[in-house]
N, C-alpha and C. Protein backbone atom coordinates (compact mmCIF):
# COMPACT_ATOMS: atom_id res chain seq x y z
N MET A 1 29.24 32.84 -1.14
CA MET A 1 29.07 31.44 -1.45
C MET A 1 27.57 31.16 -1.61
N GLU A 2 27.24 30.46 -2.66
CA GLU A 2 25.83 30.16 -2.92
C GLU A 2 25.49 28.74 -2.51
N GLY A 3 24.24 28.51 -2.26
CA GLY A 3 23.77 27.18 -1.92
C GLY A 3 23.66 26.99 -0.42
N PHE A 4 22.79 26.07 -0.04
CA PHE A 4 22.61 25.72 1.36
C PHE A 4 23.44 24.49 1.67
N PHE A 5 24.13 24.51 2.81
CA PHE A 5 24.90 23.35 3.22
C PHE A 5 25.01 23.34 4.73
N GLY A 6 25.40 22.20 5.25
CA GLY A 6 25.56 22.05 6.68
C GLY A 6 24.45 21.22 7.29
N GLN A 7 24.67 20.86 8.56
CA GLN A 7 23.74 20.03 9.31
C GLN A 7 23.60 20.64 10.70
N TYR A 8 22.37 20.83 11.13
CA TYR A 8 22.11 21.55 12.38
C TYR A 8 20.99 20.86 13.15
N ASN A 9 21.12 20.80 14.45
CA ASN A 9 20.06 20.29 15.32
C ASN A 9 19.36 21.48 15.96
N VAL A 10 18.04 21.52 15.79
CA VAL A 10 17.23 22.59 16.37
C VAL A 10 16.05 21.95 17.10
N ASN A 11 15.39 22.76 17.91
CA ASN A 11 14.23 22.26 18.65
C ASN A 11 12.95 22.90 18.13
N LEU A 12 11.93 22.09 18.04
CA LEU A 12 10.60 22.54 17.68
C LEU A 12 9.94 23.04 18.96
N ASP A 13 9.45 24.27 18.96
CA ASP A 13 8.82 24.78 20.18
C ASP A 13 7.37 24.31 20.26
N GLN A 14 6.69 24.68 21.34
CA GLN A 14 5.33 24.22 21.58
C GLN A 14 4.33 24.75 20.56
N LYS A 15 4.68 25.83 19.88
CA LYS A 15 3.80 26.38 18.85
C LYS A 15 4.08 25.79 17.46
N GLY A 16 5.09 24.89 17.36
CA GLY A 16 5.42 24.28 16.09
C GLY A 16 6.41 25.08 15.27
N ARG A 17 7.18 25.93 15.94
CA ARG A 17 8.17 26.76 15.24
C ARG A 17 9.58 26.23 15.47
N ILE A 18 10.42 26.47 14.48
CA ILE A 18 11.85 26.25 14.64
C ILE A 18 12.58 27.50 14.21
N ALA A 19 13.75 27.70 14.78
CA ALA A 19 14.61 28.80 14.34
C ALA A 19 15.51 28.24 13.24
N LEU A 20 15.39 28.81 12.06
CA LEU A 20 16.26 28.39 10.97
C LEU A 20 17.68 28.82 11.32
N PRO A 21 18.64 27.90 11.27
CA PRO A 21 20.02 28.29 11.59
C PRO A 21 20.46 29.49 10.77
N SER A 22 21.19 30.41 11.40
CA SER A 22 21.55 31.67 10.76
C SER A 22 22.31 31.47 9.45
N ARG A 23 23.12 30.43 9.35
CA ARG A 23 23.86 30.19 8.10
C ARG A 23 22.96 29.78 6.94
N LEU A 24 21.73 29.42 7.24
CA LEU A 24 20.79 29.03 6.18
C LEU A 24 19.79 30.13 5.85
N ARG A 25 19.86 31.23 6.58
CA ARG A 25 18.93 32.33 6.35
C ARG A 25 19.43 33.20 5.21
N PRO A 26 18.52 33.65 4.36
CA PRO A 26 18.92 34.59 3.30
C PRO A 26 19.33 35.92 3.92
N VAL A 27 20.29 36.57 3.31
CA VAL A 27 20.72 37.89 3.77
C VAL A 27 20.72 38.87 2.61
N THR A 28 20.60 40.13 2.95
CA THR A 28 20.67 41.17 1.94
C THR A 28 22.14 41.53 1.73
N VAL A 29 22.40 42.36 0.78
CA VAL A 29 23.76 42.80 0.50
C VAL A 29 24.38 43.48 1.72
N GLU A 30 23.57 44.20 2.47
CA GLU A 30 24.08 44.90 3.64
C GLU A 30 24.32 43.97 4.82
N GLY A 31 23.89 42.72 4.71
CA GLY A 31 24.10 41.77 5.79
C GLY A 31 22.92 41.61 6.72
N ALA A 32 21.86 42.40 6.54
CA ALA A 32 20.67 42.26 7.38
C ALA A 32 19.82 41.11 6.85
N GLN A 33 19.04 40.52 7.74
CA GLN A 33 18.19 39.43 7.31
C GLN A 33 17.19 39.91 6.27
N ALA A 34 17.06 39.17 5.20
CA ALA A 34 16.11 39.51 4.15
C ALA A 34 14.75 38.89 4.49
N ASN A 35 13.72 39.42 3.91
CA ASN A 35 12.37 38.90 4.12
C ASN A 35 11.97 38.08 2.90
N HIS A 36 12.62 36.96 2.69
CA HIS A 36 12.35 36.12 1.54
C HIS A 36 11.23 35.13 1.83
N GLU A 37 10.51 34.81 0.79
CA GLU A 37 9.44 33.83 0.87
C GLU A 37 10.00 32.45 0.55
N PHE A 38 9.45 31.45 1.21
CA PHE A 38 9.79 30.06 0.97
C PHE A 38 8.50 29.28 0.78
N ILE A 39 8.65 28.07 0.25
CA ILE A 39 7.56 27.11 0.20
C ILE A 39 8.03 25.89 0.98
N LEU A 40 7.21 25.44 1.91
CA LEU A 40 7.50 24.24 2.69
C LEU A 40 6.50 23.18 2.26
N THR A 41 7.02 21.99 1.94
CA THR A 41 6.16 20.91 1.50
C THR A 41 6.77 19.56 1.83
N LYS A 42 6.06 18.54 1.48
CA LYS A 42 6.53 17.17 1.66
C LYS A 42 7.78 16.99 0.81
N GLY A 43 8.82 16.46 1.41
CA GLY A 43 10.03 16.16 0.67
C GLY A 43 10.04 14.71 0.24
N LEU A 44 11.17 14.25 -0.20
CA LEU A 44 11.32 12.85 -0.59
C LEU A 44 12.02 12.10 0.53
N ASP A 45 11.77 10.83 0.63
CA ASP A 45 12.43 9.93 1.58
C ASP A 45 12.05 10.18 3.03
N GLY A 46 10.95 10.87 3.30
CA GLY A 46 10.46 11.03 4.65
C GLY A 46 10.78 12.34 5.34
N CYS A 47 11.23 13.32 4.60
CA CYS A 47 11.56 14.62 5.19
C CYS A 47 10.58 15.69 4.70
N LEU A 48 10.81 16.91 5.16
CA LEU A 48 10.13 18.09 4.61
C LEU A 48 11.15 18.88 3.82
N ALA A 49 10.70 19.56 2.78
CA ALA A 49 11.60 20.36 1.94
C ALA A 49 11.16 21.82 1.97
N LEU A 50 12.13 22.70 2.21
CA LEU A 50 11.90 24.14 2.23
C LEU A 50 12.61 24.72 1.01
N TYR A 51 11.82 25.28 0.10
CA TYR A 51 12.35 25.82 -1.15
C TYR A 51 12.29 27.34 -1.16
N PRO A 52 13.38 28.00 -1.51
CA PRO A 52 13.28 29.44 -1.79
C PRO A 52 12.35 29.64 -2.99
N GLU A 53 11.77 30.80 -3.09
CA GLU A 53 10.82 31.08 -4.17
C GLU A 53 11.36 30.75 -5.56
N ASP A 54 12.61 31.13 -5.85
CA ASP A 54 13.14 30.89 -7.19
C ASP A 54 13.26 29.40 -7.50
N GLN A 55 13.62 28.59 -6.51
CA GLN A 55 13.71 27.14 -6.73
C GLN A 55 12.32 26.52 -6.89
N TRP A 56 11.36 27.04 -6.14
CA TRP A 56 9.98 26.56 -6.28
C TRP A 56 9.46 26.87 -7.69
N GLN A 57 9.78 28.04 -8.20
CA GLN A 57 9.35 28.39 -9.56
C GLN A 57 9.98 27.45 -10.60
N THR A 58 11.23 27.07 -10.38
CA THR A 58 11.89 26.12 -11.28
C THR A 58 11.17 24.77 -11.26
N ILE A 59 10.79 24.32 -10.08
CA ILE A 59 10.04 23.06 -9.97
C ILE A 59 8.70 23.18 -10.69
N GLN A 60 8.03 24.32 -10.52
CA GLN A 60 6.74 24.52 -11.18
C GLN A 60 6.88 24.48 -12.70
N GLN A 61 7.94 25.08 -13.21
CA GLN A 61 8.17 25.06 -14.66
C GLN A 61 8.41 23.64 -15.15
N ARG A 62 9.21 22.89 -14.42
CA ARG A 62 9.49 21.50 -14.82
C ARG A 62 8.23 20.66 -14.77
N LEU A 63 7.45 20.81 -13.70
CA LEU A 63 6.21 20.04 -13.60
C LEU A 63 5.21 20.45 -14.67
N GLY A 64 5.21 21.73 -15.01
CA GLY A 64 4.28 22.23 -16.02
C GLY A 64 4.54 21.66 -17.40
N SER A 65 5.72 21.11 -17.62
CA SER A 65 6.03 20.53 -18.93
C SER A 65 5.54 19.08 -19.07
N HIS A 66 5.02 18.51 -17.98
CA HIS A 66 4.53 17.14 -18.03
C HIS A 66 3.08 17.09 -18.44
N ASN A 67 2.67 15.93 -18.93
CA ASN A 67 1.31 15.72 -19.39
C ASN A 67 0.42 15.37 -18.20
N PHE A 68 -0.61 16.16 -17.96
CA PHE A 68 -1.50 15.92 -16.82
C PHE A 68 -2.31 14.64 -17.00
N ASN A 69 -2.31 14.04 -18.17
CA ASN A 69 -3.02 12.79 -18.39
C ASN A 69 -2.29 11.60 -17.76
N ARG A 70 -1.03 11.80 -17.40
CA ARG A 70 -0.25 10.73 -16.77
C ARG A 70 -0.65 10.60 -15.30
N ARG A 71 -1.02 9.41 -14.92
CA ARG A 71 -1.48 9.14 -13.56
C ARG A 71 -0.40 9.48 -12.52
N ASP A 72 0.84 9.10 -12.77
CA ASP A 72 1.93 9.39 -11.84
C ASP A 72 2.13 10.90 -11.64
N TYR A 73 2.00 11.64 -12.72
CA TYR A 73 2.13 13.10 -12.62
C TYR A 73 1.04 13.67 -11.71
N ARG A 74 -0.19 13.24 -11.93
CA ARG A 74 -1.30 13.76 -11.12
C ARG A 74 -1.10 13.40 -9.65
N PHE A 75 -0.72 12.17 -9.38
CA PHE A 75 -0.51 11.75 -7.99
C PHE A 75 0.59 12.57 -7.33
N PHE A 76 1.75 12.66 -7.97
CA PHE A 76 2.87 13.42 -7.41
C PHE A 76 2.48 14.88 -7.20
N SER A 77 1.86 15.46 -8.19
CA SER A 77 1.48 16.87 -8.11
C SER A 77 0.50 17.10 -6.96
N ARG A 78 -0.44 16.20 -6.79
CA ARG A 78 -1.39 16.34 -5.68
C ARG A 78 -0.69 16.25 -4.34
N MET A 79 0.21 15.29 -4.20
CA MET A 79 0.91 15.11 -2.93
C MET A 79 1.82 16.30 -2.62
N LEU A 80 2.51 16.80 -3.62
CA LEU A 80 3.42 17.92 -3.43
C LEU A 80 2.68 19.22 -3.11
N HIS A 81 1.66 19.51 -3.88
CA HIS A 81 0.98 20.80 -3.77
C HIS A 81 -0.08 20.87 -2.68
N SER A 82 -0.74 19.77 -2.39
CA SER A 82 -1.86 19.82 -1.43
C SER A 82 -1.39 20.10 -0.01
N VAL A 83 -0.14 19.80 0.30
CA VAL A 83 0.36 20.04 1.66
C VAL A 83 1.30 21.25 1.73
N ALA A 84 1.58 21.88 0.60
CA ALA A 84 2.53 23.00 0.54
C ALA A 84 1.97 24.24 1.23
N VAL A 85 2.87 24.97 1.89
CA VAL A 85 2.48 26.23 2.56
C VAL A 85 3.54 27.30 2.28
N ASN A 86 3.08 28.55 2.21
CA ASN A 86 4.01 29.68 2.11
C ASN A 86 4.63 29.93 3.47
N ILE A 87 5.91 30.23 3.47
CA ILE A 87 6.64 30.47 4.71
C ILE A 87 7.39 31.79 4.59
N THR A 88 7.28 32.61 5.62
CA THR A 88 8.09 33.81 5.77
C THR A 88 8.74 33.73 7.14
N LEU A 89 10.03 33.94 7.21
CA LEU A 89 10.72 33.93 8.50
C LEU A 89 10.31 35.15 9.31
N ASP A 90 10.13 34.97 10.63
CA ASP A 90 9.85 36.13 11.47
C ASP A 90 11.17 36.83 11.79
N ARG A 91 11.13 37.86 12.60
CA ARG A 91 12.33 38.67 12.90
C ARG A 91 13.43 37.87 13.59
N GLN A 92 13.06 36.80 14.28
CA GLN A 92 14.05 35.95 14.95
C GLN A 92 14.52 34.80 14.05
N GLY A 93 14.09 34.79 12.80
CA GLY A 93 14.49 33.73 11.87
C GLY A 93 13.73 32.43 12.08
N ARG A 94 12.57 32.53 12.73
CA ARG A 94 11.76 31.34 12.99
C ARG A 94 10.72 31.14 11.89
N LEU A 95 10.33 29.88 11.74
CA LEU A 95 9.25 29.55 10.82
C LEU A 95 8.34 28.54 11.49
N LEU A 96 7.08 28.60 11.14
CA LEU A 96 6.07 27.71 11.68
C LEU A 96 5.93 26.50 10.75
N ILE A 97 6.05 25.31 11.33
CA ILE A 97 5.81 24.08 10.58
C ILE A 97 4.41 23.61 10.94
N PRO A 98 3.48 23.67 9.99
CA PRO A 98 2.10 23.26 10.30
C PRO A 98 2.04 21.82 10.80
N SER A 99 1.04 21.54 11.63
CA SER A 99 0.93 20.23 12.27
C SER A 99 0.83 19.09 11.25
N HIS A 100 0.15 19.31 10.11
CA HIS A 100 0.04 18.23 9.13
C HIS A 100 1.40 17.86 8.56
N LEU A 101 2.30 18.82 8.43
CA LEU A 101 3.64 18.53 7.93
C LEU A 101 4.52 17.94 9.04
N GLN A 102 4.35 18.40 10.27
CA GLN A 102 5.08 17.79 11.38
C GLN A 102 4.76 16.31 11.46
N GLU A 103 3.49 16.00 11.37
CA GLU A 103 3.05 14.60 11.44
C GLU A 103 3.60 13.79 10.27
N ASP A 104 3.54 14.35 9.07
CA ASP A 104 3.99 13.63 7.88
C ASP A 104 5.47 13.26 7.98
N ALA A 105 6.29 14.14 8.55
CA ALA A 105 7.73 13.90 8.65
C ALA A 105 8.13 13.27 9.98
N GLY A 106 7.17 13.03 10.85
CA GLY A 106 7.47 12.43 12.14
C GLY A 106 8.26 13.34 13.06
N LEU A 107 8.07 14.66 12.91
CA LEU A 107 8.83 15.61 13.73
C LEU A 107 8.19 15.75 15.11
N THR A 108 9.04 15.69 16.12
CA THR A 108 8.56 15.91 17.48
C THR A 108 9.32 17.09 18.05
N ARG A 109 10.22 16.87 18.98
CA ARG A 109 10.94 17.99 19.58
C ARG A 109 12.21 18.33 18.81
N GLU A 110 13.07 17.35 18.61
CA GLU A 110 14.35 17.60 17.93
C GLU A 110 14.18 17.47 16.42
N VAL A 111 14.72 18.44 15.71
CA VAL A 111 14.64 18.46 14.25
C VAL A 111 16.05 18.61 13.70
N LEU A 112 16.38 17.77 12.73
CA LEU A 112 17.66 17.88 12.03
C LEU A 112 17.41 18.70 10.77
N VAL A 113 18.15 19.79 10.63
CA VAL A 113 18.02 20.68 9.48
C VAL A 113 19.28 20.50 8.64
N ILE A 114 19.11 20.17 7.37
CA ILE A 114 20.28 20.01 6.50
C ILE A 114 20.13 20.87 5.24
N GLY A 115 21.24 21.47 4.83
CA GLY A 115 21.28 22.21 3.58
C GLY A 115 21.61 21.24 2.46
N VAL A 116 20.84 21.30 1.38
CA VAL A 116 21.00 20.39 0.26
C VAL A 116 21.17 21.19 -1.04
N ASN A 117 22.08 22.14 -1.01
CA ASN A 117 22.40 23.00 -2.14
C ASN A 117 21.27 23.96 -2.49
N ARG A 118 20.26 23.52 -3.23
CA ARG A 118 19.20 24.42 -3.68
C ARG A 118 18.00 24.49 -2.75
N TRP A 119 17.95 23.63 -1.74
CA TRP A 119 16.85 23.63 -0.80
C TRP A 119 17.34 23.18 0.57
N ILE A 120 16.43 23.22 1.54
CA ILE A 120 16.72 22.84 2.93
C ILE A 120 15.75 21.73 3.31
N GLU A 121 16.25 20.75 4.05
CA GLU A 121 15.39 19.65 4.49
C GLU A 121 15.30 19.62 6.01
N PHE A 122 14.11 19.20 6.50
CA PHE A 122 13.86 19.01 7.92
C PHE A 122 13.57 17.53 8.14
N TRP A 123 14.33 16.93 9.04
CA TRP A 123 14.23 15.50 9.31
C TRP A 123 14.04 15.22 10.79
N ASP A 124 13.32 14.16 11.09
CA ASP A 124 13.40 13.55 12.40
C ASP A 124 14.78 12.89 12.43
N PRO A 125 15.62 13.16 13.43
CA PRO A 125 16.99 12.62 13.43
C PRO A 125 17.06 11.10 13.32
N LYS A 126 16.17 10.39 13.99
CA LYS A 126 16.16 8.93 13.90
C LYS A 126 15.81 8.47 12.48
N ARG A 127 14.83 9.11 11.88
CA ARG A 127 14.44 8.76 10.51
C ARG A 127 15.59 9.01 9.53
N TYR A 128 16.34 10.08 9.75
CA TYR A 128 17.47 10.38 8.87
C TYR A 128 18.56 9.32 9.01
N ARG A 129 18.87 8.91 10.24
CA ARG A 129 19.87 7.86 10.45
C ARG A 129 19.43 6.55 9.78
N GLU A 130 18.14 6.23 9.90
CA GLU A 130 17.60 5.03 9.25
C GLU A 130 17.72 5.15 7.73
N TYR A 131 17.41 6.31 7.20
CA TYR A 131 17.53 6.53 5.75
C TYR A 131 18.97 6.27 5.30
N LEU A 132 19.93 6.82 6.01
CA LEU A 132 21.34 6.64 5.64
C LEU A 132 21.74 5.17 5.72
N THR A 133 21.29 4.47 6.76
CA THR A 133 21.62 3.06 6.93
C THR A 133 20.97 2.19 5.86
N GLN A 134 19.73 2.49 5.53
CA GLN A 134 18.98 1.67 4.59
C GLN A 134 19.29 1.96 3.13
N TYR A 135 20.04 3.02 2.87
CA TYR A 135 20.30 3.37 1.47
C TYR A 135 21.03 2.26 0.74
N GLY A 136 21.89 1.56 1.45
CA GLY A 136 22.51 0.37 0.88
C GLY A 136 23.75 0.59 0.05
N GLN A 137 24.21 1.81 -0.07
CA GLN A 137 25.42 2.09 -0.82
C GLN A 137 26.23 3.12 -0.04
N SER A 138 27.52 3.06 -0.22
CA SER A 138 28.38 4.03 0.45
C SER A 138 28.40 5.34 -0.34
N TYR A 139 28.88 6.36 0.32
CA TYR A 139 29.07 7.67 -0.30
C TYR A 139 29.92 7.53 -1.55
N GLU A 140 30.99 6.76 -1.47
CA GLU A 140 31.91 6.57 -2.59
C GLU A 140 31.25 5.86 -3.75
N GLU A 141 30.43 4.83 -3.46
CA GLU A 141 29.74 4.09 -4.52
C GLU A 141 28.78 5.00 -5.28
N VAL A 142 28.08 5.83 -4.56
CA VAL A 142 27.14 6.75 -5.20
C VAL A 142 27.91 7.79 -6.01
N ALA A 143 28.99 8.32 -5.45
CA ALA A 143 29.80 9.31 -6.18
C ALA A 143 30.31 8.73 -7.49
N GLU A 144 30.75 7.49 -7.47
CA GLU A 144 31.25 6.87 -8.70
C GLU A 144 30.16 6.73 -9.75
N LYS A 145 28.94 6.48 -9.31
CA LYS A 145 27.83 6.38 -10.26
C LYS A 145 27.45 7.74 -10.84
N LEU A 146 27.52 8.77 -10.00
CA LEU A 146 27.09 10.09 -10.45
C LEU A 146 28.13 10.85 -11.24
N PHE A 147 29.40 10.62 -10.91
CA PHE A 147 30.47 11.39 -11.53
C PHE A 147 31.48 10.46 -12.18
N ASP A 148 31.95 10.83 -13.32
CA ASP A 148 33.01 10.08 -13.97
C ASP A 148 34.32 10.55 -13.35
N LEU A 149 34.78 9.83 -12.33
CA LEU A 149 35.96 10.25 -11.59
C LEU A 149 37.25 10.18 -12.41
N ASN A 150 37.22 9.42 -13.49
CA ASN A 150 38.42 9.25 -14.32
C ASN A 150 38.34 10.06 -15.60
N ARG A 151 37.49 11.05 -15.64
CA ARG A 151 37.32 11.84 -16.85
C ARG A 151 38.66 12.41 -17.30
N GLY A 152 38.98 12.16 -18.53
CA GLY A 152 40.21 12.70 -19.10
C GLY A 152 41.44 11.86 -18.81
N GLU A 153 41.30 10.81 -18.01
CA GLU A 153 42.45 9.96 -17.74
C GLU A 153 42.34 8.70 -18.55
N ASP A 154 43.47 8.20 -19.00
CA ASP A 154 43.49 6.94 -19.73
C ASP A 154 43.51 5.79 -18.74
N SER A 155 42.76 4.73 -19.08
CA SER A 155 42.73 3.55 -18.20
C SER A 155 43.89 2.64 -18.48
């Protein structure tokens, strides 16, 4: 099965590390943990985003197609790239979240880790609950906007 999914509560240790839940760790064909590279950076809506290398390259290609003369492009690119760090999981599946990113996402001890298909997000649990509450639409309302649920059916 491809893609990241699920929701996990983990603890940030005193050194700023978290153990990535095993279901979110890349594995080799033989089932042993792979040594894949990730990029950790500022996410959207108040979280941090952890991208596998291939997804990060896709983002780079998309951003590279924009005109650098656009003020919004320059601002977004600066915010995304200036805080980004390379991440490699250690043998225990842990990764270090630098203090500047911990502060940006409001991470303290408890961290909510969620799989979001192509990437992984790290949230302060309270901030995530607030995000869900403040979104202002239900899951069903958003689904109806994103997907034509009646495709192929006559009204």
